[in-house]
Amino acid sequence: MTVHDVARVLPEIEVLREHCRSLAVLEAVLSPDWESRYCSFDDHWSEEESMASMRDGSGNEYAIVFSAAGAYVRGFDHESPMSPYAGDGPWPGVLDEVPEVFRPCVEEPAFGDEDGMPVVTACLWRQADGESWSAGTIDFPERGNGDPDGSRYLFALLVDRSPEAFQEWAEDYYEVPVDLAAVRHVFASRPLTEEVVRALNPEIALADLAEDIAGIGYSAR
């Protein structure tokens, strides 16, 4: 799988945004400690932008910036042969065709290292009036696991957006049982309730999540 395969299966921008919110809410319930979470969502990353993000604790990550311009996706697999640290910067084609409207994201300091180099192995975008997701023209290197730019690993929970996929992933990642009905409730963007929270994590209450819920921009009752 490459970023081109991901571009073919990602949903419309608003559907992806709400899915990312749901992932972040589920993670907030399962992992009250923000530093230990895999997926997050900041509804007010800037005055005009929100951002979904993933960090696996091993140096792999993604960020999705949602704005009036559309959505910009940056992924980084630190073991990819396409890592900018394996050559003289980002792999040819990864960023070369990013539209001008998303260039501020390419140059965003939070997405680069201390020297200002973009930390990226996979990039795709969709403009607000666009009909599909796009990625650059890339000559991918060989990689034994068939995942040259890290897309298969990085975007797994965005490609398979089923409650069952999240349940399987979360039970493996957090090593706890995960209630499938509760996951389905959140994936349907229904308001978070005390019952759903308790089903996922009996050690916390809905009130404990007030700040997280507000930051994510999710509804609760």
N, C-alpha and C. Protein backbone atom coordinates (compact mmCIF):
# COMPACT_ATOMS: atom_id res chain seq x y z
N MET A 1 0.84 -1.20 0.00
CA MET A 1 0.00 0.00 0.00
C MET A 1 0.87 1.25 0.00
N THR A 2 0.43 2.26 -0.72
CA THR A 2 1.11 3.55 -0.72
C THR A 2 0.07 4.65 -0.49
N VAL A 3 0.54 5.87 -0.44
CA VAL A 3 -0.36 7.00 -0.25
C VAL A 3 -1.39 7.08 -1.38
N HIS A 4 -1.05 6.59 -2.56
CA HIS A 4 -2.01 6.60 -3.66
C HIS A 4 -3.19 5.68 -3.38
N ASP A 5 -2.93 4.54 -2.74
CA ASP A 5 -4.01 3.64 -2.36
C ASP A 5 -4.90 4.28 -1.29
N VAL A 6 -4.28 4.98 -0.35
CA VAL A 6 -5.04 5.67 0.69
C VAL A 6 -5.94 6.74 0.07
N ALA A 7 -5.40 7.48 -0.89
CA ALA A 7 -6.17 8.55 -1.54
C ALA A 7 -7.44 8.01 -2.20
N ARG A 8 -7.38 6.77 -2.66
CA ARG A 8 -8.55 6.20 -3.35
C ARG A 8 -9.66 5.80 -2.39
N VAL A 9 -9.35 5.59 -1.12
CA VAL A 9 -10.37 5.06 -0.20
C VAL A 9 -10.77 6.03 0.92
N LEU A 10 -10.06 7.15 1.08
CA LEU A 10 -10.48 8.10 2.10
C LEU A 10 -11.84 8.70 1.73
N PRO A 11 -12.67 8.99 2.74
CA PRO A 11 -13.99 9.56 2.47
C PRO A 11 -13.91 11.07 2.24
N GLU A 12 -15.05 11.68 2.06
CA GLU A 12 -15.11 13.14 1.94
C GLU A 12 -14.55 13.79 3.20
N ILE A 13 -14.15 15.03 3.06
CA ILE A 13 -13.45 15.72 4.15
C ILE A 13 -14.24 15.72 5.44
N GLU A 14 -15.52 16.06 5.39
CA GLU A 14 -16.30 16.15 6.62
C GLU A 14 -16.48 14.79 7.28
N VAL A 15 -16.60 13.75 6.47
CA VAL A 15 -16.70 12.40 7.03
C VAL A 15 -15.40 12.02 7.73
N LEU A 16 -14.27 12.35 7.11
CA LEU A 16 -12.98 12.06 7.73
C LEU A 16 -12.80 12.87 9.02
N ARG A 17 -13.21 14.12 9.00
CA ARG A 17 -13.07 14.96 10.19
C ARG A 17 -13.85 14.36 11.37
N GLU A 18 -15.09 13.94 11.11
CA GLU A 18 -15.90 13.39 12.20
C GLU A 18 -15.36 12.04 12.66
N HIS A 19 -14.81 11.27 11.75
CA HIS A 19 -14.18 10.01 12.15
C HIS A 19 -12.99 10.28 13.06
N CYS A 20 -12.19 11.28 12.72
CA CYS A 20 -11.04 11.63 13.55
C CYS A 20 -11.47 12.12 14.92
N ARG A 21 -12.56 12.88 14.98
CA ARG A 21 -13.10 13.28 16.29
C ARG A 21 -13.46 12.05 17.12
N SER A 22 -14.14 11.11 16.47
CA SER A 22 -14.57 9.91 17.18
C SER A 22 -13.38 9.12 17.70
N LEU A 23 -12.36 8.97 16.89
CA LEU A 23 -11.15 8.29 17.34
C LEU A 23 -10.57 8.98 18.58
N ALA A 24 -10.53 10.30 18.54
CA ALA A 24 -9.95 11.05 19.66
C ALA A 24 -10.79 10.92 20.92
N VAL A 25 -12.10 10.90 20.79
CA VAL A 25 -12.97 10.73 21.95
C VAL A 25 -12.77 9.36 22.58
N LEU A 26 -12.75 8.34 21.75
CA LEU A 26 -12.53 6.99 22.26
C LEU A 26 -11.20 6.88 22.98
N GLU A 27 -10.18 7.50 22.43
CA GLU A 27 -8.86 7.47 23.07
C GLU A 27 -8.86 8.25 24.38
N ALA A 28 -9.59 9.36 24.43
CA ALA A 28 -9.67 10.13 25.67
C ALA A 28 -10.28 9.31 26.79
N VAL A 29 -11.26 8.49 26.45
CA VAL A 29 -11.90 7.64 27.45
C VAL A 29 -10.96 6.50 27.85
N LEU A 30 -10.36 5.86 26.87
CA LEU A 30 -9.50 4.71 27.15
C LEU A 30 -8.17 5.10 27.79
N SER A 31 -7.69 6.29 27.48
CA SER A 31 -6.39 6.73 27.98
C SER A 31 -6.48 8.16 28.52
N PRO A 32 -6.91 8.32 29.77
CA PRO A 32 -7.03 9.67 30.35
C PRO A 32 -5.74 10.48 30.29
N ASP A 33 -4.60 9.81 30.29
CA ASP A 33 -3.31 10.49 30.18
C ASP A 33 -3.06 10.84 28.73
N TRP A 34 -3.11 12.14 28.39
CA TRP A 34 -2.97 12.58 27.01
C TRP A 34 -1.67 12.10 26.38
N GLU A 35 -0.60 12.08 27.13
CA GLU A 35 0.71 11.72 26.59
C GLU A 35 0.75 10.28 26.09
N SER A 36 -0.16 9.44 26.58
CA SER A 36 -0.16 8.04 26.19
C SER A 36 -1.11 7.73 25.05
N ARG A 37 -1.84 8.72 24.58
CA ARG A 37 -2.83 8.49 23.53
C ARG A 37 -2.18 8.33 22.16
N TYR A 38 -2.84 7.56 21.33
CA TYR A 38 -2.41 7.31 19.96
C TYR A 38 -2.99 8.36 19.02
N CYS A 39 -4.30 8.58 19.10
CA CYS A 39 -4.98 9.57 18.25
C CYS A 39 -5.50 10.73 19.08
N SER A 40 -5.39 11.93 18.55
CA SER A 40 -5.89 13.13 19.22
C SER A 40 -6.57 14.03 18.19
N PHE A 41 -7.33 15.00 18.71
CA PHE A 41 -7.98 15.97 17.83
C PHE A 41 -8.05 17.30 18.56
N ASP A 42 -7.59 18.35 17.91
CA ASP A 42 -7.63 19.70 18.48
C ASP A 42 -8.54 20.54 17.59
N ASP A 43 -9.73 20.83 18.10
CA ASP A 43 -10.70 21.57 17.30
C ASP A 43 -10.32 23.02 17.09
N HIS A 44 -9.37 23.50 17.89
CA HIS A 44 -8.93 24.90 17.79
C HIS A 44 -7.40 24.94 17.70
N TRP A 45 -6.86 24.17 16.74
CA TRP A 45 -5.41 24.16 16.58
C TRP A 45 -4.91 25.55 16.23
N SER A 46 -5.68 26.29 15.45
CA SER A 46 -5.43 27.70 15.20
C SER A 46 -6.80 28.38 15.11
N GLU A 47 -6.80 29.65 14.85
CA GLU A 47 -8.07 30.37 14.78
C GLU A 47 -8.97 29.84 13.67
N GLU A 48 -8.37 29.31 12.62
CA GLU A 48 -9.16 28.88 11.46
C GLU A 48 -8.96 27.42 11.10
N GLU A 49 -8.23 26.68 11.92
CA GLU A 49 -7.92 25.29 11.57
C GLU A 49 -8.14 24.36 12.75
N SER A 50 -8.50 23.13 12.44
CA SER A 50 -8.50 22.06 13.42
C SER A 50 -7.50 21.01 12.94
N MET A 51 -7.04 20.15 13.86
CA MET A 51 -6.04 19.17 13.47
C MET A 51 -6.25 17.85 14.17
N ALA A 52 -6.24 16.78 13.40
CA ALA A 52 -6.21 15.42 13.91
C ALA A 52 -4.77 14.94 13.87
N SER A 53 -4.38 14.14 14.85
CA SER A 53 -3.00 13.68 14.85
C SER A 53 -2.90 12.28 15.44
N MET A 54 -1.79 11.62 15.12
CA MET A 54 -1.47 10.31 15.66
C MET A 54 0.00 10.29 16.02
N ARG A 55 0.30 9.69 17.17
CA ARG A 55 1.69 9.45 17.58
C ARG A 55 1.73 8.05 18.20
N ASP A 56 2.62 7.19 17.73
CA ASP A 56 2.64 5.83 18.26
C ASP A 56 3.68 5.62 19.35
N GLY A 57 4.41 6.68 19.70
CA GLY A 57 5.40 6.57 20.75
C GLY A 57 6.73 6.01 20.28
N SER A 58 6.80 5.64 19.01
CA SER A 58 8.04 5.08 18.47
C SER A 58 8.61 5.93 17.34
N GLY A 59 8.08 7.14 17.19
CA GLY A 59 8.60 8.05 16.17
C GLY A 59 7.78 8.12 14.91
N ASN A 60 6.67 7.37 14.84
CA ASN A 60 5.80 7.41 13.68
C ASN A 60 4.58 8.27 14.00
N GLU A 61 4.11 9.03 13.02
CA GLU A 61 3.04 9.99 13.32
C GLU A 61 2.35 10.45 12.05
N TYR A 62 1.17 11.03 12.24
CA TYR A 62 0.52 11.76 11.15
C TYR A 62 -0.16 12.99 11.70
N ALA A 63 -0.45 13.92 10.84
CA ALA A 63 -1.22 15.12 11.19
C ALA A 63 -2.13 15.44 10.02
N ILE A 64 -3.37 15.78 10.32
CA ILE A 64 -4.34 16.17 9.30
C ILE A 64 -4.88 17.54 9.66
N VAL A 65 -4.62 18.51 8.81
CA VAL A 65 -5.09 19.87 9.04
C VAL A 65 -6.37 20.10 8.25
N PHE A 66 -7.43 20.46 8.97
CA PHE A 66 -8.72 20.76 8.33
C PHE A 66 -8.92 22.28 8.37
N SER A 67 -9.23 22.86 7.23
CA SER A 67 -9.40 24.31 7.14
C SER A 67 -10.42 24.63 6.06
N ALA A 68 -10.68 25.90 5.88
CA ALA A 68 -11.59 26.31 4.81
C ALA A 68 -11.05 25.91 3.44
N ALA A 69 -9.73 25.75 3.34
CA ALA A 69 -9.13 25.36 2.06
C ALA A 69 -9.37 23.89 1.74
N GLY A 70 -9.63 23.07 2.75
CA GLY A 70 -9.81 21.64 2.55
C GLY A 70 -9.10 20.86 3.64
N ALA A 71 -8.35 19.83 3.27
CA ALA A 71 -7.63 19.01 4.24
C ALA A 71 -6.26 18.63 3.70
N TYR A 72 -5.27 18.70 4.56
CA TYR A 72 -3.88 18.37 4.22
C TYR A 72 -3.42 17.28 5.17
N VAL A 73 -2.87 16.20 4.64
CA VAL A 73 -2.44 15.06 5.44
C VAL A 73 -0.94 14.86 5.30
N ARG A 74 -0.26 14.78 6.44
CA ARG A 74 1.18 14.51 6.46
C ARG A 74 1.44 13.29 7.34
N GLY A 75 2.16 12.31 6.81
CA GLY A 75 2.53 11.14 7.59
C GLY A 75 4.03 10.94 7.60
N PHE A 76 4.53 10.35 8.69
CA PHE A 76 5.97 10.10 8.79
C PHE A 76 6.21 8.73 9.42
N ASP A 77 6.86 7.87 8.66
CA ASP A 77 7.30 6.56 9.12
C ASP A 77 8.81 6.63 9.27
N HIS A 78 9.30 6.58 10.50
CA HIS A 78 10.72 6.83 10.72
C HIS A 78 11.62 5.72 10.17
N GLU A 79 11.05 4.56 9.87
CA GLU A 79 11.85 3.47 9.30
C GLU A 79 11.72 3.36 7.79
N SER A 80 10.91 4.22 7.20
CA SER A 80 10.70 4.17 5.75
C SER A 80 11.97 4.54 5.00
N PRO A 81 12.25 3.86 3.88
CA PRO A 81 13.38 4.26 3.04
C PRO A 81 13.17 5.63 2.42
N MET A 82 11.93 6.16 2.53
CA MET A 82 11.62 7.48 2.01
C MET A 82 11.79 8.58 3.06
N SER A 83 12.32 8.23 4.21
CA SER A 83 12.55 9.24 5.25
C SER A 83 13.46 10.34 4.73
N PRO A 84 13.15 11.59 5.04
CA PRO A 84 14.04 12.68 4.61
C PRO A 84 15.44 12.57 5.19
N TYR A 85 15.57 11.80 6.27
CA TYR A 85 16.89 11.64 6.88
C TYR A 85 17.74 10.59 6.16
N ALA A 86 17.10 9.86 5.22
CA ALA A 86 17.84 8.87 4.44
C ALA A 86 18.48 9.49 3.22
N GLY A 87 18.10 10.72 2.90
CA GLY A 87 18.66 11.41 1.74
C GLY A 87 18.94 12.85 2.03
N ASP A 88 18.63 13.70 1.09
CA ASP A 88 18.90 15.13 1.23
C ASP A 88 17.64 15.94 1.50
N GLY A 89 16.61 15.28 2.01
CA GLY A 89 15.35 15.96 2.27
C GLY A 89 14.19 15.07 1.87
N PRO A 90 12.97 15.62 1.82
CA PRO A 90 11.80 14.83 1.45
C PRO A 90 11.98 14.09 0.13
N TRP A 91 11.47 12.88 0.06
CA TRP A 91 11.57 12.05 -1.15
C TRP A 91 10.96 12.78 -2.34
N PRO A 92 11.61 12.71 -3.51
CA PRO A 92 11.09 13.41 -4.69
C PRO A 92 9.63 13.06 -4.99
N GLY A 93 8.85 14.09 -5.19
CA GLY A 93 7.44 13.91 -5.53
C GLY A 93 6.49 13.98 -4.36
N VAL A 94 6.97 13.73 -3.15
CA VAL A 94 6.08 13.69 -1.99
C VAL A 94 5.42 15.05 -1.75
N LEU A 95 6.20 16.12 -1.85
CA LEU A 95 5.67 17.47 -1.58
C LEU A 95 5.65 18.37 -2.81
N ASP A 96 6.22 17.93 -3.90
CA ASP A 96 6.43 18.81 -5.05
C ASP A 96 5.14 19.34 -5.66
N GLU A 97 4.06 18.57 -5.59
CA GLU A 97 2.82 18.96 -6.25
C GLU A 97 1.75 19.46 -5.30
N VAL A 98 2.12 19.69 -4.05
CA VAL A 98 1.14 20.22 -3.08
C VAL A 98 0.66 21.58 -3.56
N PRO A 99 -0.65 21.80 -3.66
CA PRO A 99 -1.17 23.09 -4.14
C PRO A 99 -0.73 24.25 -3.26
N GLU A 100 -0.66 25.42 -3.86
CA GLU A 100 -0.21 26.62 -3.15
C GLU A 100 -1.03 26.88 -1.89
N VAL A 101 -2.31 26.56 -1.92
CA VAL A 101 -3.18 26.84 -0.79
C VAL A 101 -2.76 26.05 0.45
N PHE A 102 -2.03 24.93 0.24
CA PHE A 102 -1.57 24.12 1.37
C PHE A 102 -0.08 24.30 1.67
N ARG A 103 0.58 25.21 0.98
CA ARG A 103 2.01 25.39 1.23
C ARG A 103 2.32 25.80 2.66
N PRO A 104 1.45 26.61 3.32
CA PRO A 104 1.73 26.91 4.73
C PRO A 104 1.81 25.66 5.60
N CYS A 105 1.07 24.60 5.24
CA CYS A 105 1.14 23.35 5.98
C CYS A 105 2.48 22.66 5.73
N VAL A 106 2.93 22.70 4.49
CA VAL A 106 4.23 22.12 4.16
C VAL A 106 5.33 22.79 4.97
N GLU A 107 5.22 24.10 5.13
CA GLU A 107 6.25 24.88 5.81
C GLU A 107 5.98 25.05 7.31
N GLU A 108 4.92 24.46 7.82
CA GLU A 108 4.57 24.58 9.23
C GLU A 108 5.70 24.05 10.12
N PRO A 109 6.21 24.88 11.05
CA PRO A 109 7.31 24.44 11.91
C PRO A 109 6.99 23.18 12.72
N ALA A 110 5.73 23.01 13.10
CA ALA A 110 5.36 21.83 13.89
C ALA A 110 5.52 20.54 13.10
N PHE A 111 5.59 20.63 11.77
CA PHE A 111 5.72 19.45 10.92
C PHE A 111 7.13 19.28 10.38
N GLY A 112 8.07 20.00 10.98
CA GLY A 112 9.46 19.91 10.55
C GLY A 112 10.38 19.69 11.73
N ASP A 113 11.67 19.53 11.44
CA ASP A 113 12.63 19.36 12.52
C ASP A 113 13.22 20.71 12.92
N GLU A 114 14.22 20.68 13.79
CA GLU A 114 14.80 21.92 14.29
C GLU A 114 15.50 22.73 13.21
N ASP A 115 15.82 22.09 12.09
CA ASP A 115 16.45 22.80 10.98
C ASP A 115 15.44 23.25 9.92
N GLY A 116 14.16 23.01 10.20
CA GLY A 116 13.13 23.44 9.27
C GLY A 116 12.84 22.47 8.14
N MET A 117 13.44 21.28 8.19
CA MET A 117 13.17 20.29 7.14
C MET A 117 11.84 19.59 7.41
N PRO A 118 10.94 19.52 6.42
CA PRO A 118 9.68 18.80 6.60
C PRO A 118 9.93 17.33 6.94
N VAL A 119 9.31 16.87 8.01
CA VAL A 119 9.44 15.47 8.43
C VAL A 119 8.25 14.72 7.86
N VAL A 120 8.45 14.07 6.71
CA VAL A 120 7.33 13.49 5.98
C VAL A 120 7.80 12.34 5.09
N THR A 121 7.00 11.29 5.02
CA THR A 121 7.21 10.23 4.04
C THR A 121 5.97 10.02 3.18
N ALA A 122 4.83 10.55 3.63
CA ALA A 122 3.57 10.40 2.89
C ALA A 122 2.77 11.69 3.01
N CYS A 123 2.20 12.13 1.92
CA CYS A 123 1.43 13.37 1.93
C CYS A 123 0.29 13.27 0.91
N LEU A 124 -0.90 13.71 1.34
CA LEU A 124 -2.02 13.82 0.41
C LEU A 124 -2.90 14.97 0.83
N TRP A 125 -3.78 15.37 -0.07
CA TRP A 125 -4.58 16.57 0.19
C TRP A 125 -5.88 16.51 -0.60
N ARG A 126 -6.83 17.32 -0.17
CA ARG A 126 -8.08 17.48 -0.92
C ARG A 126 -8.58 18.90 -0.70
N GLN A 127 -8.76 19.64 -1.76
CA GLN A 127 -9.27 20.99 -1.64
C GLN A 127 -10.78 20.95 -1.36
N ALA A 128 -11.28 22.00 -0.75
CA ALA A 128 -12.66 22.03 -0.31
C ALA A 128 -13.64 21.77 -1.45
N ASP A 129 -13.31 22.23 -2.64
CA ASP A 129 -14.19 22.01 -3.79
C ASP A 129 -13.73 20.85 -4.66
N GLY A 130 -12.78 20.07 -4.16
CA GLY A 130 -12.26 18.95 -4.93
C GLY A 130 -13.16 17.73 -4.86
N GLU A 131 -13.07 16.89 -5.86
CA GLU A 131 -13.89 15.69 -5.92
C GLU A 131 -13.16 14.45 -5.44
N SER A 132 -11.87 14.56 -5.17
CA SER A 132 -11.11 13.40 -4.74
C SER A 132 -9.85 13.85 -4.00
N TRP A 133 -9.20 12.88 -3.35
CA TRP A 133 -7.92 13.13 -2.69
C TRP A 133 -6.80 12.98 -3.72
N SER A 134 -5.72 13.71 -3.49
CA SER A 134 -4.58 13.68 -4.41
C SER A 134 -3.28 13.44 -3.66
N ALA A 135 -2.30 12.93 -4.38
CA ALA A 135 -0.95 12.78 -3.87
C ALA A 135 0.00 13.01 -5.03
N GLY A 136 1.27 13.21 -4.73
CA GLY A 136 2.23 13.52 -5.76
C GLY A 136 2.61 12.35 -6.65
N THR A 137 3.27 12.66 -7.74
CA THR A 137 3.81 11.64 -8.64
C THR A 137 5.12 11.14 -8.06
N ILE A 138 5.14 9.88 -7.64
CA ILE A 138 6.26 9.36 -6.86
C ILE A 138 6.76 8.04 -7.43
N ASP A 139 8.06 7.91 -7.53
CA ASP A 139 8.70 6.65 -7.88
C ASP A 139 9.08 5.99 -6.55
N PHE A 140 8.24 5.06 -6.10
CA PHE A 140 8.42 4.46 -4.78
C PHE A 140 9.57 3.46 -4.78
N PRO A 141 10.33 3.43 -3.68
CA PRO A 141 11.40 2.44 -3.56
C PRO A 141 10.82 1.07 -3.18
N GLU A 142 11.62 0.05 -3.32
CA GLU A 142 11.21 -1.28 -2.88
C GLU A 142 11.29 -1.35 -1.35
N ARG A 143 10.30 -2.04 -0.78
CA ARG A 143 10.35 -2.29 0.65
C ARG A 143 9.71 -3.65 0.88
N GLY A 144 10.38 -4.49 1.64
CA GLY A 144 9.96 -5.86 1.77
C GLY A 144 8.55 -6.07 2.27
N ASN A 145 8.05 -5.16 3.11
CA ASN A 145 6.70 -5.33 3.67
C ASN A 145 5.62 -4.69 2.79
N GLY A 146 5.99 -4.19 1.62
CA GLY A 146 5.00 -3.60 0.73
C GLY A 146 4.42 -2.30 1.22
N ASP A 147 5.14 -1.60 2.10
CA ASP A 147 4.65 -0.35 2.68
C ASP A 147 5.76 0.70 2.59
N PRO A 148 6.14 1.13 1.38
CA PRO A 148 7.33 1.97 1.22
C PRO A 148 7.29 3.30 1.93
N ASP A 149 6.11 3.94 1.98
CA ASP A 149 6.03 5.26 2.62
C ASP A 149 5.38 5.22 3.99
N GLY A 150 5.04 4.02 4.47
CA GLY A 150 4.43 3.87 5.79
C GLY A 150 2.92 4.01 5.80
N SER A 151 2.30 4.19 4.65
CA SER A 151 0.86 4.47 4.60
C SER A 151 0.00 3.35 5.18
N ARG A 152 0.39 2.10 4.90
CA ARG A 152 -0.41 0.98 5.41
C ARG A 152 -0.50 1.02 6.93
N TYR A 153 0.62 1.29 7.58
CA TYR A 153 0.65 1.34 9.04
C TYR A 153 0.05 2.64 9.57
N LEU A 154 0.50 3.75 9.04
CA LEU A 154 0.12 5.06 9.57
C LEU A 154 -1.38 5.30 9.51
N PHE A 155 -1.99 4.96 8.39
CA PHE A 155 -3.37 5.35 8.14
C PHE A 155 -4.37 4.18 8.26
N ALA A 156 -3.96 3.12 8.94
CA ALA A 156 -4.80 1.93 9.03
C ALA A 156 -6.19 2.23 9.58
N LEU A 157 -6.29 3.06 10.61
CA LEU A 157 -7.59 3.36 11.23
C LEU A 157 -8.39 4.40 10.45
N LEU A 158 -7.78 4.96 9.41
CA LEU A 158 -8.50 5.87 8.53
C LEU A 158 -8.97 5.14 7.27
N VAL A 159 -8.25 4.11 6.90
CA VAL A 159 -8.63 3.31 5.73
C VAL A 159 -9.77 2.35 6.09
N ASP A 160 -9.61 1.62 7.19
CA ASP A 160 -10.69 0.76 7.70
C ASP A 160 -11.34 1.48 8.86
N ARG A 161 -12.47 2.11 8.61
CA ARG A 161 -13.13 2.95 9.61
C ARG A 161 -14.24 2.22 10.35
N SER A 162 -14.20 0.92 10.34
CA SER A 162 -15.25 0.13 11.01
C SER A 162 -15.02 0.10 12.52
N PRO A 163 -16.10 0.02 13.30
CA PRO A 163 -15.96 -0.14 14.75
C PRO A 163 -15.16 -1.38 15.12
N GLU A 164 -15.33 -2.44 14.34
CA GLU A 164 -14.62 -3.69 14.63
C GLU A 164 -13.10 -3.52 14.49
N ALA A 165 -12.69 -2.74 13.49
CA ALA A 165 -11.26 -2.51 13.29
C ALA A 165 -10.68 -1.74 14.47
N PHE A 166 -11.42 -0.74 14.95
CA PHE A 166 -10.92 0.01 16.10
C PHE A 166 -10.89 -0.88 17.34
N GLN A 167 -11.94 -1.65 17.56
CA GLN A 167 -11.97 -2.54 18.71
C GLN A 167 -10.76 -3.47 18.72
N GLU A 168 -10.50 -4.09 17.59
CA GLU A 168 -9.36 -5.02 17.50
C GLU A 168 -8.05 -4.30 17.77
N TRP A 169 -7.89 -3.12 17.17
CA TRP A 169 -6.65 -2.36 17.38
C TRP A 169 -6.50 -1.95 18.84
N ALA A 170 -7.56 -1.39 19.44
CA ALA A 170 -7.48 -0.86 20.80
C ALA A 170 -7.25 -1.97 21.83
N GLU A 171 -7.86 -3.12 21.62
CA GLU A 171 -7.64 -4.22 22.57
C GLU A 171 -6.19 -4.68 22.53
N ASP A 172 -5.58 -4.63 21.37
CA ASP A 172 -4.18 -4.99 21.25
C ASP A 172 -3.28 -3.89 21.82
N TYR A 173 -3.60 -2.64 21.53
CA TYR A 173 -2.75 -1.51 21.94
C TYR A 173 -2.82 -1.26 23.45
N TYR A 174 -4.04 -1.26 24.00
CA TYR A 174 -4.22 -0.94 25.42
C TYR A 174 -4.30 -2.18 26.30
N GLU A 175 -4.44 -3.35 25.69
CA GLU A 175 -4.49 -4.62 26.40
C GLU A 175 -5.63 -4.66 27.42
N VAL A 176 -6.79 -4.17 26.99
CA VAL A 176 -8.01 -4.22 27.79
C VAL A 176 -9.17 -4.57 26.87
N PRO A 177 -10.26 -5.14 27.42
CA PRO A 177 -11.45 -5.38 26.59
C PRO A 177 -12.05 -4.03 26.18
N VAL A 178 -12.56 -3.95 24.96
CA VAL A 178 -13.17 -2.72 24.47
C VAL A 178 -14.60 -3.03 24.01
N ASP A 179 -15.57 -2.35 24.60
CA ASP A 179 -16.98 -2.60 24.32
C ASP A 179 -17.35 -2.16 22.91
N LEU A 180 -17.77 -3.10 22.07
CA LEU A 180 -18.05 -2.78 20.66
C LEU A 180 -19.27 -1.88 20.52
N ALA A 181 -20.28 -2.07 21.33
CA ALA A 181 -21.47 -1.22 21.24
C ALA A 181 -21.12 0.24 21.56
N ALA A 182 -20.23 0.44 22.52
CA ALA A 182 -19.80 1.79 22.87
C ALA A 182 -19.01 2.43 21.72
N VAL A 183 -18.18 1.63 21.08
CA VAL A 183 -17.42 2.14 19.93
C VAL A 183 -18.38 2.53 18.81
N ARG A 184 -19.38 1.70 18.55
CA ARG A 184 -20.36 2.02 17.51
C ARG A 184 -21.11 3.30 17.83
N HIS A 185 -21.41 3.51 19.08
CA HIS A 185 -22.10 4.73 19.51
C HIS A 185 -21.28 5.97 19.16
N VAL A 186 -19.99 5.93 19.48
CA VAL A 186 -19.12 7.08 19.22
C VAL A 186 -18.86 7.23 17.73
N PHE A 187 -18.68 6.13 17.02
CA PHE A 187 -18.44 6.22 15.58
C PHE A 187 -19.66 6.77 14.83
N ALA A 188 -20.83 6.68 15.44
CA ALA A 188 -22.03 7.26 14.85
C ALA A 188 -22.17 8.74 15.22
N SER A 189 -21.18 9.29 15.93
CA SER A 189 -21.16 10.69 16.36
C SER A 189 -22.34 11.04 17.27
N ARG A 190 -22.81 10.06 18.04
CA ARG A 190 -23.86 10.33 19.01
C ARG A 190 -23.24 10.97 20.24
N PRO A 191 -24.00 11.79 20.97
CA PRO A 191 -23.44 12.45 22.16
C PRO A 191 -22.87 11.44 23.15
N LEU A 192 -21.74 11.77 23.72
CA LEU A 192 -21.11 10.90 24.71
C LEU A 192 -21.95 10.92 25.99
N THR A 193 -22.19 9.75 26.55
CA THR A 193 -23.00 9.63 27.76
C THR A 193 -22.20 8.94 28.86
N GLU A 194 -22.74 9.05 30.07
CA GLU A 194 -22.11 8.39 31.21
C GLU A 194 -22.02 6.88 30.98
N GLU A 195 -23.07 6.31 30.42
CA GLU A 195 -23.12 4.86 30.20
C GLU A 195 -22.03 4.41 29.22
N VAL A 196 -21.84 5.19 28.16
CA VAL A 196 -20.82 4.84 27.17
C VAL A 196 -19.43 4.94 27.77
N VAL A 197 -19.20 5.99 28.53
CA VAL A 197 -17.90 6.17 29.18
C VAL A 197 -17.59 5.01 30.11
N ARG A 198 -18.56 4.65 30.95
CA ARG A 198 -18.37 3.56 31.90
C ARG A 198 -18.16 2.22 31.21
N ALA A 199 -18.83 2.03 30.07
CA ALA A 199 -18.67 0.78 29.33
C ALA A 199 -17.25 0.64 28.79
N LEU A 200 -16.65 1.76 28.44
CA LEU A 200 -15.30 1.74 27.89
C LEU A 200 -14.22 1.77 28.97
N ASN A 201 -14.49 2.52 30.03
CA ASN A 201 -13.51 2.66 31.10
C ASN A 201 -14.22 2.93 32.41
N PRO A 202 -14.46 1.91 33.22
CA PRO A 202 -15.20 2.08 34.48
C PRO A 202 -14.47 2.91 35.53
N GLU A 203 -13.24 3.28 35.25
CA GLU A 203 -12.45 4.02 36.24
C GLU A 203 -12.60 5.53 36.11
N ILE A 204 -13.31 6.00 35.07
CA ILE A 204 -13.52 7.44 34.93
C ILE A 204 -14.99 7.73 34.69
N ALA A 205 -15.36 9.00 34.85
CA ALA A 205 -16.73 9.45 34.63
C ALA A 205 -16.77 10.49 33.52
N LEU A 206 -17.96 10.74 33.01
CA LEU A 206 -18.12 11.72 31.94
C LEU A 206 -17.57 13.08 32.34
N ALA A 207 -17.79 13.48 33.60
CA ALA A 207 -17.34 14.79 34.07
C ALA A 207 -15.82 14.92 34.00
N ASP A 208 -15.11 13.80 34.12
CA ASP A 208 -13.65 13.84 34.07
C ASP A 208 -13.13 14.21 32.68
N LEU A 209 -14.00 14.09 31.69
CA LEU A 209 -13.59 14.30 30.30
C LEU A 209 -14.03 15.64 29.74
N ALA A 210 -14.56 16.51 30.59
CA ALA A 210 -15.13 17.77 30.10
C ALA A 210 -14.13 18.58 29.28
N GLU A 211 -12.92 18.71 29.75
CA GLU A 211 -11.92 19.51 29.03
C GLU A 211 -11.54 18.85 27.71
N ASP A 212 -11.37 17.54 27.73
CA ASP A 212 -11.03 16.82 26.50
C ASP A 212 -12.14 16.96 25.46
N ILE A 213 -13.38 16.76 25.90
CA ILE A 213 -14.51 16.82 24.98
C ILE A 213 -14.62 18.20 24.34
N ALA A 214 -14.41 19.23 25.14
CA ALA A 214 -14.48 20.61 24.60
C ALA A 214 -13.36 20.84 23.59
N GLY A 215 -12.18 20.34 23.89
CA GLY A 215 -11.04 20.53 22.98
C GLY A 215 -11.21 19.78 21.67
N ILE A 216 -11.87 18.64 21.74
CA ILE A 216 -12.10 17.83 20.55
C ILE A 216 -13.26 18.39 19.73
N GLY A 217 -14.19 19.06 20.41
CA GLY A 217 -15.35 19.59 19.72
C GLY A 217 -16.44 18.56 19.56
N TYR A 218 -16.50 17.61 20.50
CA TYR A 218 -17.51 16.55 20.44
C TYR A 218 -18.64 16.90 21.41
N SER A 219 -19.81 16.35 21.17
CA SER A 219 -20.96 16.66 22.03
C SER A 219 -21.11 15.59 23.12
N ALA A 220 -21.68 15.99 24.24
CA ALA A 220 -21.90 15.08 25.36
C ALA A 220 -23.20 15.46 26.06
N ARG A 221 -23.72 14.52 26.78
CA ARG A 221 -24.92 14.83 27.58
C ARG A 221 -24.92 14.02 28.86
